[in-house]
Amino acid sequence: MDVYVLLASGQQPGVRATFAEQTARARGWNVARVICDTTGPGTDPALRPALAMALDRIARGESAGLVAVSRADISAFDDEYEAVLDHLRVVGGFLDLALPETAL
């Protein structure tokens, strides 16, 4: 299990990464890595190098899935968000959110 956090350029993972990591552990998962992109909100998930690495780890069987704080870590746009979810299904992984999608 990996934690994924989307950050603005120069932002530190701090509270967001800790919250996602605590959520994963509370659900009984071991966190292997905390993976952060610093491309900032609004960037296409397909263009984020750290997300690509996280998805590749899942595809290779090195991680079962991702825990993120909220949907905003993936995308606020339905088509981009759904594309990531579809990719996760294809490679046998999953996304778990610390906050419900409706909490935004």
PDB file of N, CA and C in Angstrom:
ATOM      1  N   MET A   1       0.840  -1.159   0.000  1.00  0.00           N
ATOM      2  CA  MET A   1       0.000   0.000   0.000  1.00  0.00           C
ATOM      3  C   MET A   1       0.893   1.232   0.000  1.00  0.00           C
ATOM      4  N   ASP A   2       0.566   2.186  -0.882  1.00  0.00           N
ATOM      5  CA  ASP A   2       1.298   3.446  -0.932  1.00  0.00           C
ATOM      6  C   ASP A   2       0.353   4.594  -0.634  1.00  0.00           C
ATOM      7  N   VAL A   3       0.891   5.647  -0.065  1.00  0.00           N
ATOM      8  CA  VAL A   3       0.157   6.891   0.121  1.00  0.00           C
ATOM      9  C   VAL A   3       0.545   7.808  -1.029  1.00  0.00           C
ATOM     10  N   TYR A   4      -0.451   8.460  -1.628  1.00  0.00           N
ATOM     11  CA  TYR A   4      -0.191   9.415  -2.712  1.00  0.00           C
ATOM     12  C   TYR A   4      -0.721  10.781  -2.313  1.00  0.00           C
ATOM     13  N   VAL A   5       0.126  11.796  -2.478  1.00  0.00           N
ATOM     14  CA  VAL A   5      -0.244  13.166  -2.135  1.00  0.00           C
ATOM     15  C   VAL A   5       0.135  14.092  -3.284  1.00  0.00           C
ATOM     16  N   LEU A   6      -0.794  14.946  -3.677  1.00  0.00           N
ATOM     17  CA  LEU A   6      -0.539  15.975  -4.692  1.00  0.00           C
ATOM     18  C   LEU A   6      -0.282  17.289  -3.974  1.00  0.00           C
ATOM     19  N   LEU A   7       0.846  17.902  -4.275  1.00  0.00           N
ATOM     20  CA  LEU A   7       1.255  19.135  -3.613  1.00  0.00           C
ATOM     21  C   LEU A   7       1.508  20.245  -4.626  1.00  0.00           C
ATOM     22  N   ALA A   8       1.400  21.471  -4.158  1.00  0.00           N
ATOM     23  CA  ALA A   8       1.824  22.605  -4.965  1.00  0.00           C
ATOM     24  C   ALA A   8       3.353  22.659  -4.937  1.00  0.00           C
ATOM     25  N   SER A   9       3.934  23.273  -5.919  1.00  0.00           N
ATOM     26  CA  SER A   9       5.379  23.407  -5.976  1.00  0.00           C
ATOM     27  C   SER A   9       5.891  24.057  -4.693  1.00  0.00           C
ATOM     28  N   GLY A  10       6.889  23.442  -4.070  1.00  0.00           N
ATOM     29  CA  GLY A  10       7.472  23.968  -2.851  1.00  0.00           C
ATOM     30  C   GLY A  10       6.742  23.599  -1.571  1.00  0.00           C
ATOM     31  N   GLN A  11       5.550  23.010  -1.690  1.00  0.00           N
ATOM     32  CA  GLN A  11       4.781  22.610  -0.510  1.00  0.00           C
ATOM     33  C   GLN A  11       5.356  21.317   0.058  1.00  0.00           C
ATOM     34  N   GLN A  12       5.360  21.192   1.371  1.00  0.00           N
ATOM     35  CA  GLN A  12       5.831  19.988   2.048  1.00  0.00           C
ATOM     36  C   GLN A  12       4.643  19.049   2.299  1.00  0.00           C
ATOM     37  N   PRO A  13       4.867  17.733   2.263  1.00  0.00           N
ATOM     38  CA  PRO A  13       3.775  16.776   2.448  1.00  0.00           C
ATOM     39  C   PRO A  13       3.102  16.874   3.816  1.00  0.00           C
ATOM     40  N   GLY A  14       3.884  17.090   4.851  1.00  0.00           N
ATOM     41  CA  GLY A  14       3.405  17.316   6.205  1.00  0.00           C
ATOM     42  C   GLY A  14       2.090  16.675   6.595  1.00  0.00           C
ATOM     43  N   VAL A  15       1.129  17.505   6.916  1.00  0.00           N
ATOM     44  CA  VAL A  15      -0.142  17.073   7.487  1.00  0.00           C
ATOM     45  C   VAL A  15      -0.915  16.162   6.540  1.00  0.00           C
ATOM     46  N   ARG A  16      -0.935  16.473   5.259  1.00  0.00           N
ATOM     47  CA  ARG A  16      -1.707  15.659   4.302  1.00  0.00           C
ATOM     48  C   ARG A  16      -1.169  14.232   4.242  1.00  0.00           C
ATOM     49  N   ALA A  17       0.135  14.095   4.123  1.00  0.00           N
ATOM     50  CA  ALA A  17       0.720  12.758   4.041  1.00  0.00           C
ATOM     51  C   ALA A  17       0.508  11.998   5.348  1.00  0.00           C
ATOM     52  N   THR A  18       0.672  12.681   6.463  1.00  0.00           N
ATOM     53  CA  THR A  18       0.480  12.049   7.762  1.00  0.00           C
ATOM     54  C   THR A  18      -0.958  11.573   7.929  1.00  0.00           C
ATOM     55  N   PHE A  19      -1.910  12.403   7.520  1.00  0.00           N
ATOM     56  CA  PHE A  19      -3.326  12.038   7.627  1.00  0.00           C
ATOM     57  C   PHE A  19      -3.639  10.805   6.784  1.00  0.00           C
ATOM     58  N   ALA A  20      -3.163  10.783   5.547  1.00  0.00           N
ATOM     59  CA  ALA A  20      -3.403   9.619   4.677  1.00  0.00           C
ATOM     60  C   ALA A  20      -2.723   8.373   5.227  1.00  0.00           C
ATOM     61  N   GLU A  21      -1.514   8.538   5.748  1.00  0.00           N
ATOM     62  CA  GLU A  21      -0.787   7.396   6.310  1.00  0.00           C
ATOM     63  C   GLU A  21      -1.501   6.855   7.556  1.00  0.00           C
ATOM     64  N   GLN A  22      -1.980   7.736   8.411  1.00  0.00           N
ATOM     65  CA  GLN A  22      -2.718   7.305   9.606  1.00  0.00           C
ATOM     66  C   GLN A  22      -4.020   6.599   9.220  1.00  0.00           C
ATOM     67  N   THR A  23      -4.677   7.093   8.185  1.00  0.00           N
ATOM     68  CA  THR A  23      -5.902   6.458   7.698  1.00  0.00           C
ATOM     69  C   THR A  23      -5.613   5.041   7.222  1.00  0.00           C
ATOM     70  N   ALA A  24      -4.552   4.881   6.447  1.00  0.00           N
ATOM     71  CA  ALA A  24      -4.184   3.544   5.949  1.00  0.00           C
ATOM     72  C   ALA A  24      -3.911   2.593   7.104  1.00  0.00           C
ATOM     73  N   ARG A  25      -3.157   3.046   8.073  1.00  0.00           N
ATOM     74  CA  ARG A  25      -2.825   2.189   9.220  1.00  0.00           C
ATOM     75  C   ARG A  25      -4.060   1.855  10.045  1.00  0.00           C
ATOM     76  N   ALA A  26      -4.973   2.828  10.193  1.00  0.00           N
ATOM     77  CA  ALA A  26      -6.215   2.577  10.943  1.00  0.00           C
ATOM     78  C   ALA A  26      -7.072   1.526  10.247  1.00  0.00           C
ATOM     79  N   ARG A  27      -6.913   1.393   8.941  1.00  0.00           N
ATOM     80  CA  ARG A  27      -7.669   0.394   8.173  1.00  0.00           C
ATOM     81  C   ARG A  27      -6.916  -0.921   8.087  1.00  0.00           C
ATOM     82  N   GLY A  28      -5.789  -1.004   8.785  1.00  0.00           N
ATOM     83  CA  GLY A  28      -5.054  -2.260   8.847  1.00  0.00           C
ATOM     84  C   GLY A  28      -4.034  -2.477   7.750  1.00  0.00           C
ATOM     85  N   TRP A  29      -3.680  -1.441   7.022  1.00  0.00           N
ATOM     86  CA  TRP A  29      -2.726  -1.572   5.915  1.00  0.00           C
ATOM     87  C   TRP A  29      -1.352  -1.079   6.329  1.00  0.00           C
ATOM     88  N   ASN A  30      -0.341  -1.748   5.837  1.00  0.00           N
ATOM     89  CA  ASN A  30       1.036  -1.289   6.003  1.00  0.00           C
ATOM     90  C   ASN A  30       1.375  -0.353   4.851  1.00  0.00           C
ATOM     91  N   VAL A  31       1.955   0.763   5.160  1.00  0.00           N
ATOM     92  CA  VAL A  31       2.334   1.740   4.134  1.00  0.00           C
ATOM     93  C   VAL A  31       3.786   1.498   3.744  1.00  0.00           C
ATOM     94  N   ALA A  32       3.996   1.208   2.461  1.00  0.00           N
ATOM     95  CA  ALA A  32       5.349   0.966   1.964  1.00  0.00           C
ATOM     96  C   ALA A  32       6.043   2.280   1.617  1.00  0.00           C
ATOM     97  N   ARG A  33       5.313   3.188   0.979  1.00  0.00           N
ATOM     98  CA  ARG A  33       5.906   4.452   0.531  1.00  0.00           C
ATOM     99  C   ARG A  33       4.890   5.582   0.600  1.00  0.00           C
ATOM    100  N   VAL A  34       5.417   6.774   0.812  1.00  0.00           N
ATOM    101  CA  VAL A  34       4.638   7.994   0.642  1.00  0.00           C
ATOM    102  C   VAL A  34       5.169   8.637  -0.632  1.00  0.00           C
ATOM    103  N   ILE A  35       4.296   8.761  -1.618  1.00  0.00           N
ATOM    104  CA  ILE A  35       4.689   9.228  -2.942  1.00  0.00           C
ATOM    105  C   ILE A  35       4.015  10.577  -3.193  1.00  0.00           C
ATOM    106  N   CYS A  36       4.827  11.582  -3.551  1.00  0.00           N
ATOM    107  CA  CYS A  36       4.294  12.938  -3.717  1.00  0.00           C
ATOM    108  C   CYS A  36       4.626  13.506  -5.089  1.00  0.00           C
ATOM    109  N   ASP A  37       3.634  14.114  -5.705  1.00  0.00           N
ATOM    110  CA  ASP A  37       3.850  14.931  -6.896  1.00  0.00           C
ATOM    111  C   ASP A  37       3.812  16.387  -6.462  1.00  0.00           C
ATOM    112  N   THR A  38       4.673  17.199  -7.033  1.00  0.00           N
ATOM    113  CA  THR A  38       4.684  18.626  -6.721  1.00  0.00           C
ATOM    114  C   THR A  38       4.275  19.449  -7.934  1.00  0.00           C
ATOM    115  N   THR A  39       3.412  18.872  -8.747  1.00  0.00           N
ATOM    116  CA  THR A  39       2.953  19.559  -9.954  1.00  0.00           C
ATOM    117  C   THR A  39       1.768  20.471  -9.682  1.00  0.00           C
ATOM    118  N   GLY A  40       1.157  20.344  -8.518  1.00  0.00           N
ATOM    119  CA  GLY A  40       0.076  21.232  -8.112  1.00  0.00           C
ATOM    120  C   GLY A  40      -1.286  20.827  -8.633  1.00  0.00           C
ATOM    121  N   PRO A  41      -2.317  21.324  -7.944  1.00  0.00           N
ATOM    122  CA  PRO A  41      -3.690  21.052  -8.368  1.00  0.00           C
ATOM    123  C   PRO A  41      -3.935  21.549  -9.788  1.00  0.00           C
ATOM    124  N   GLY A  42      -4.794  20.855 -10.482  1.00  0.00           N
ATOM    125  CA  GLY A  42      -5.139  21.252 -11.845  1.00  0.00           C
ATOM    126  C   GLY A  42      -4.279  20.611 -12.910  1.00  0.00           C
ATOM    127  N   THR A  43      -3.226  19.903 -12.505  1.00  0.00           N
ATOM    128  CA  THR A  43      -2.415  19.223 -13.513  1.00  0.00           C
ATOM    129  C   THR A  43      -3.067  17.895 -13.871  1.00  0.00           C
ATOM    130  N   ASP A  44      -2.991  17.551 -15.124  1.00  0.00           N
ATOM    131  CA  ASP A  44      -3.546  16.298 -15.624  1.00  0.00           C
ATOM    132  C   ASP A  44      -2.826  15.140 -14.933  1.00  0.00           C
ATOM    133  N   PRO A  45      -3.571  14.215 -14.335  1.00  0.00           N
ATOM    134  CA  PRO A  45      -2.926  13.069 -13.679  1.00  0.00           C
ATOM    135  C   PRO A  45      -1.994  12.294 -14.608  1.00  0.00           C
ATOM    136  N   ALA A  46      -2.296  12.276 -15.892  1.00  0.00           N
ATOM    137  CA  ALA A  46      -1.474  11.542 -16.851  1.00  0.00           C
ATOM    138  C   ALA A  46      -0.080  12.163 -17.009  1.00  0.00           C
ATOM    139  N   LEU A  47       0.095  13.391 -16.530  1.00  0.00           N
ATOM    140  CA  LEU A  47       1.376  14.086 -16.670  1.00  0.00           C
ATOM    141  C   LEU A  47       2.167  14.159 -15.367  1.00  0.00           C
ATOM    142  N   ARG A  48       1.732  13.444 -14.351  1.00  0.00           N
ATOM    143  CA  ARG A  48       2.399  13.484 -13.045  1.00  0.00           C
ATOM    144  C   ARG A  48       3.352  12.303 -12.897  1.00  0.00           C
ATOM    145  N   PRO A  49       4.648  12.585 -12.786  1.00  0.00           N
ATOM    146  CA  PRO A  49       5.625  11.482 -12.730  1.00  0.00           C
ATOM    147  C   PRO A  49       5.488  10.591 -11.494  1.00  0.00           C
ATOM    148  N   ALA A  50       5.196  11.161 -10.341  1.00  0.00           N
ATOM    149  CA  ALA A  50       5.091  10.329  -9.130  1.00  0.00           C
ATOM    150  C   ALA A  50       3.850   9.442  -9.180  1.00  0.00           C
ATOM    151  N   LEU A  51       2.748   9.961  -9.718  1.00  0.00           N
ATOM    152  CA  LEU A  51       1.547   9.130  -9.860  1.00  0.00           C
ATOM    153  C   LEU A  51       1.814   7.994 -10.836  1.00  0.00           C
ATOM    154  N   ALA A  52       2.516   8.283 -11.920  1.00  0.00           N
ATOM    155  CA  ALA A  52       2.872   7.229 -12.881  1.00  0.00           C
ATOM    156  C   ALA A  52       3.705   6.148 -12.199  1.00  0.00           C
ATOM    157  N   MET A  53       4.650   6.554 -11.347  1.00  0.00           N
ATOM    158  CA  MET A  53       5.470   5.588 -10.627  1.00  0.00           C
ATOM    159  C   MET A  53       4.606   4.758  -9.678  1.00  0.00           C
ATOM    160  N   ALA A  54       3.668   5.409  -8.985  1.00  0.00           N
ATOM    161  CA  ALA A  54       2.793   4.694  -8.049  1.00  0.00           C
ATOM    162  C   ALA A  54       1.932   3.672  -8.794  1.00  0.00           C
ATOM    163  N   LEU A  55       1.386   4.060  -9.936  1.00  0.00           N
ATOM    164  CA  LEU A  55       0.564   3.141 -10.730  1.00  0.00           C
ATOM    165  C   LEU A  55       1.400   1.989 -11.272  1.00  0.00           C
ATOM    166  N   ASP A  56       2.632   2.276 -11.637  1.00  0.00           N
ATOM    167  CA  ASP A  56       3.532   1.229 -12.122  1.00  0.00           C
ATOM    168  C   ASP A  56       3.863   0.238 -11.006  1.00  0.00           C
ATOM    169  N   ARG A  57       4.047   0.733  -9.782  1.00  0.00           N
ATOM    170  CA  ARG A  57       4.302  -0.164  -8.645  1.00  0.00           C
ATOM    171  C   ARG A  57       3.131  -1.127  -8.444  1.00  0.00           C
ATOM    172  N   ILE A  58       1.921  -0.626  -8.632  1.00  0.00           N
ATOM    173  CA  ILE A  58       0.737  -1.484  -8.501  1.00  0.00           C
ATOM    174  C   ILE A  58       0.724  -2.524  -9.610  1.00  0.00           C
ATOM    175  N   ALA A  59       0.985  -2.084 -10.832  1.00  0.00           N
ATOM    176  CA  ALA A  59       0.983  -2.996 -11.979  1.00  0.00           C
ATOM    177  C   ALA A  59       2.023  -4.107 -11.818  1.00  0.00           C
ATOM    178  N   ARG A  60       3.157  -3.788 -11.174  1.00  0.00           N
ATOM    179  CA  ARG A  60       4.221  -4.788 -10.966  1.00  0.00           C
ATOM    180  C   ARG A  60       3.985  -5.634  -9.715  1.00  0.00           C
ATOM    181  N   GLY A  61       2.908  -5.361  -8.984  1.00  0.00           N
ATOM    182  CA  GLY A  61       2.603  -6.136  -7.787  1.00  0.00           C
ATOM    183  C   GLY A  61       3.380  -5.706  -6.559  1.00  0.00           C
ATOM    184  N   GLU A  62       4.018  -4.548  -6.608  1.00  0.00           N
ATOM    185  CA  GLU A  62       4.793  -4.046  -5.476  1.00  0.00           C
ATOM    186  C   GLU A  62       3.923  -3.300  -4.465  1.00  0.00           C
ATOM    187  N   SER A  63       2.723  -2.953  -4.868  1.00  0.00           N
ATOM    188  CA  SER A  63       1.776  -2.252  -3.996  1.00  0.00           C
ATOM    189  C   SER A  63       0.374  -2.706  -4.387  1.00  0.00           C
ATOM    190  N   ALA A  64      -0.501  -2.800  -3.397  1.00  0.00           N
ATOM    191  CA  ALA A  64      -1.877  -3.232  -3.681  1.00  0.00           C
ATOM    192  C   ALA A  64      -2.761  -2.084  -4.146  1.00  0.00           C
ATOM    193  N   GLY A  65      -2.421  -0.869  -3.714  1.00  0.00           N
ATOM    194  CA  GLY A  65      -3.257   0.266  -4.069  1.00  0.00           C
ATOM    195  C   GLY A  65      -2.730   1.548  -3.471  1.00  0.00           C
ATOM    196  N   LEU A  66      -3.550   2.590  -3.583  1.00  0.00           N
ATOM    197  CA  LEU A  66      -3.183   3.920  -3.107  1.00  0.00           C
ATOM    198  C   LEU A  66      -4.174   4.417  -2.070  1.00  0.00           C
ATOM    199  N   VAL A  67      -3.657   5.151  -1.100  1.00  0.00           N
ATOM    200  CA  VAL A  67      -4.487   5.909  -0.176  1.00  0.00           C
ATOM    201  C   VAL A  67      -4.142   7.375  -0.393  1.00  0.00           C
ATOM    202  N   ALA A  68      -5.163   8.187  -0.612  1.00  0.00           N
ATOM    203  CA  ALA A  68      -4.990   9.636  -0.769  1.00  0.00           C
ATOM    204  C   ALA A  68      -5.926  10.328   0.213  1.00  0.00           C
ATOM    205  N   VAL A  69      -5.638  11.576   0.522  1.00  0.00           N
ATOM    206  CA  VAL A  69      -6.495  12.311   1.448  1.00  0.00           C
ATOM    207  C   VAL A  69      -7.879  12.505   0.846  1.00  0.00           C
ATOM    208  N   SER A  70      -7.927  12.959  -0.398  1.00  0.00           N
ATOM    209  CA  SER A  70      -9.220  13.231  -1.016  1.00  0.00           C
ATOM    210  C   SER A  70      -9.128  13.066  -2.527  1.00  0.00           C
ATOM    211  N   ARG A  71     -10.260  13.129  -3.147  1.00  0.00           N
ATOM    212  CA  ARG A  71     -10.332  13.044  -4.600  1.00  0.00           C
ATOM    213  C   ARG A  71      -9.477  14.123  -5.253  1.00  0.00           C
ATOM    214  N   ALA A  72      -9.329  15.268  -4.597  1.00  0.00           N
ATOM    215  CA  ALA A  72      -8.541  16.374  -5.151  1.00  0.00           C
ATOM    216  C   ALA A  72      -7.087  15.974  -5.400  1.00  0.00           C
ATOM    217  N   ASP A  73      -6.591  14.964  -4.687  1.00  0.00           N
ATOM    218  CA  ASP A  73      -5.231  14.485  -4.936  1.00  0.00           C
ATOM    219  C   ASP A  73      -5.124  13.800  -6.299  1.00  0.00           C
ATOM    220  N   ILE A  74      -6.221  13.316  -6.801  1.00  0.00           N
ATOM    221  CA  ILE A  74      -6.236  12.678  -8.124  1.00  0.00           C
ATOM    222  C   ILE A  74      -6.679  13.692  -9.174  1.00  0.00           C
ATOM    223  N   SER A  75      -7.903  14.185  -9.081  1.00  0.00           N
ATOM    224  CA  SER A  75      -8.384  15.217  -9.994  1.00  0.00           C
ATOM    225  C   SER A  75      -9.771  15.688  -9.593  1.00  0.00           C
ATOM    226  N   ALA A  76     -10.014  16.955  -9.793  1.00  0.00           N
ATOM    227  CA  ALA A  76     -11.346  17.517  -9.575  1.00  0.00           C
ATOM    228  C   ALA A  76     -12.241  17.293 -10.797  1.00  0.00           C
ATOM    229  N   PHE A  77     -11.638  16.873 -11.896  1.00  0.00           N
ATOM    230  CA  PHE A  77     -12.377  16.667 -13.143  1.00  0.00           C
ATOM    231  C   PHE A  77     -12.806  15.210 -13.261  1.00  0.00           C
ATOM    232  N   ASP A  78     -14.094  14.996 -13.470  1.00  0.00           N
ATOM    233  CA  ASP A  78     -14.650  13.641 -13.503  1.00  0.00           C
ATOM    234  C   ASP A  78     -13.936  12.729 -14.497  1.00  0.00           C
ATOM    235  N   ASP A  79     -13.674  13.215 -15.713  1.00  0.00           N
ATOM    236  CA  ASP A  79     -13.073  12.351 -16.728  1.00  0.00           C
ATOM    237  C   ASP A  79     -11.660  11.922 -16.339  1.00  0.00           C
ATOM    238  N   GLU A  80     -10.874  12.828 -15.774  1.00  0.00           N
ATOM    239  CA  GLU A  80      -9.520  12.476 -15.347  1.00  0.00           C
ATOM    240  C   GLU A  80      -9.550  11.521 -14.148  1.00  0.00           C
ATOM    241  N   TYR A  81     -10.423  11.799 -13.207  1.00  0.00           N
ATOM    242  CA  TYR A  81     -10.553  10.953 -12.017  1.00  0.00           C
ATOM    243  C   TYR A  81     -10.971   9.535 -12.426  1.00  0.00           C
ATOM    244  N   GLU A  82     -11.976   9.450 -13.292  1.00  0.00           N
ATOM    245  CA  GLU A  82     -12.452   8.143 -13.747  1.00  0.00           C
ATOM    246  C   GLU A  82     -11.389   7.394 -14.541  1.00  0.00           C
ATOM    247  N   ALA A  83     -10.566   8.114 -15.302  1.00  0.00           N
ATOM    248  CA  ALA A  83      -9.492   7.463 -16.058  1.00  0.00           C
ATOM    249  C   ALA A  83      -8.482   6.807 -15.112  1.00  0.00           C
ATOM    250  N   VAL A  84      -8.168   7.474 -14.008  1.00  0.00           N
ATOM    251  CA  VAL A  84      -7.251   6.885 -13.028  1.00  0.00           C
ATOM    252  C   VAL A  84      -7.895   5.670 -12.371  1.00  0.00           C
ATOM    253  N   LEU A  85      -9.171   5.781 -12.002  1.00  0.00           N
ATOM    254  CA  LEU A  85      -9.869   4.635 -11.408  1.00  0.00           C
ATOM    255  C   LEU A  85      -9.917   3.460 -12.376  1.00  0.00           C
ATOM    256  N   ASP A  86     -10.194   3.733 -13.648  1.00  0.00           N
ATOM    257  CA  ASP A  86     -10.208   2.668 -14.661  1.00  0.00           C
ATOM    258  C   ASP A  86      -8.838   2.004 -14.767  1.00  0.00           C
ATOM    259  N   HIS A  87      -7.786   2.817 -14.773  1.00  0.00           N
ATOM    260  CA  HIS A  87      -6.430   2.268 -14.855  1.00  0.00           C
ATOM    261  C   HIS A  87      -6.131   1.378 -13.641  1.00  0.00           C
ATOM    262  N   LEU A  88      -6.525   1.836 -12.468  1.00  0.00           N
ATOM    263  CA  LEU A  88      -6.322   1.044 -11.258  1.00  0.00           C
ATOM    264  C   LEU A  88      -7.047  -0.300 -11.352  1.00  0.00           C
ATOM    265  N   ARG A  89      -8.268  -0.296 -11.870  1.00  0.00           N
ATOM    266  CA  ARG A  89      -9.013  -1.553 -12.035  1.00  0.00           C
ATOM    267  C   ARG A  89      -8.273  -2.500 -12.972  1.00  0.00           C
ATOM    268  N   VAL A  90      -7.776  -1.966 -14.072  1.00  0.00           N
ATOM    269  CA  VAL A  90      -7.087  -2.790 -15.071  1.00  0.00           C
ATOM    270  C   VAL A  90      -5.844  -3.456 -14.477  1.00  0.00           C
ATOM    271  N   VAL A  91      -5.092  -2.721 -13.659  1.00  0.00           N
ATOM    272  CA  VAL A  91      -3.855  -3.286 -13.097  1.00  0.00           C
ATOM    273  C   VAL A  91      -4.087  -4.017 -11.779  1.00  0.00           C
ATOM    274  N   GLY A  92      -5.340  -4.088 -11.334  1.00  0.00           N
ATOM    275  CA  GLY A  92      -5.672  -4.845 -10.138  1.00  0.00           C
ATOM    276  C   GLY A  92      -5.486  -4.097  -8.834  1.00  0.00           C
ATOM    277  N   GLY A  93      -5.435  -2.785  -8.892  1.00  0.00           N
ATOM    278  CA  GLY A  93      -5.258  -1.978  -7.691  1.00  0.00           C
ATOM    279  C   GLY A  93      -6.534  -1.259  -7.304  1.00  0.00           C
ATOM    280  N   PHE A  94      -6.403  -0.394  -6.319  1.00  0.00           N
ATOM    281  CA  PHE A  94      -7.562   0.373  -5.866  1.00  0.00           C
ATOM    282  C   PHE A  94      -7.107   1.701  -5.287  1.00  0.00           C
ATOM    283  N   LEU A  95      -8.066   2.591  -5.121  1.00  0.00           N
ATOM    284  CA  LEU A  95      -7.849   3.885  -4.485  1.00  0.00           C
ATOM    285  C   LEU A  95      -8.759   3.960  -3.275  1.00  0.00           C
ATOM    286  N   ASP A  96      -8.193   4.325  -2.135  1.00  0.00           N
ATOM    287  CA  ASP A  96      -8.974   4.553  -0.935  1.00  0.00           C
ATOM    288  C   ASP A  96      -8.729   5.998  -0.518  1.00  0.00           C
ATOM    289  N   LEU A  97      -9.820   6.700  -0.186  1.00  0.00           N
ATOM    290  CA  LEU A  97      -9.732   8.092   0.215  1.00  0.00           C
ATOM    291  C   LEU A  97      -9.922   8.227   1.712  1.00  0.00           C
ATOM    292  N   ALA A  98      -9.082   9.033   2.344  1.00  0.00           N
ATOM    293  CA  ALA A  98      -9.221   9.296   3.773  1.00  0.00           C
ATOM    294  C   ALA A  98     -10.505  10.075   4.059  1.00  0.00           C
ATOM    295  N   LEU A  99     -10.860  10.966   3.152  1.00  0.00           N
ATOM    296  CA  LEU A  99     -12.105  11.730   3.241  1.00  0.00           C
ATOM    297  C   LEU A  99     -13.056  11.250   2.152  1.00  0.00           C
ATOM    298  N   PRO A 100     -14.333  11.147   2.445  1.00  0.00           N
ATOM    299  CA  PRO A 100     -15.285  10.728   1.409  1.00  0.00           C
ATOM    300  C   PRO A 100     -15.282  11.714   0.229  1.00  0.00           C
ATOM    301  N   GLU A 101     -15.589  11.197  -0.954  1.00  0.00           N
ATOM    302  CA  GLU A 101     -15.623  12.055  -2.149  1.00  0.00           C
ATOM    303  C   GLU A 101     -16.579  13.232  -1.954  1.00  0.00           C
ATOM    304  N   THR A 102     -17.618  13.026  -1.174  1.00  0.00           N
ATOM    305  CA  THR A 102     -18.618  14.073  -0.988  1.00  0.00           C
ATOM    306  C   THR A 102     -18.211  15.092   0.078  1.00  0.00           C
ATOM    307  N   ALA A 103     -17.063  14.900   0.713  1.00  0.00           N
ATOM    308  CA  ALA A 103     -16.642  15.813   1.794  1.00  0.00           C
ATOM    309  C   ALA A 103     -16.018  17.094   1.264  1.00  0.00           C
ATOM    310  N   LEU A 104     -15.773  17.174  -0.025  1.00  0.00           N
ATOM    311  CA  LEU A 104     -15.124  18.364  -0.563  1.00  0.00           C
ATOM    312  C   LEU A 104     -16.070  19.483  -0.607  1.00  0.00           C
TER     313      LEU A 104
END
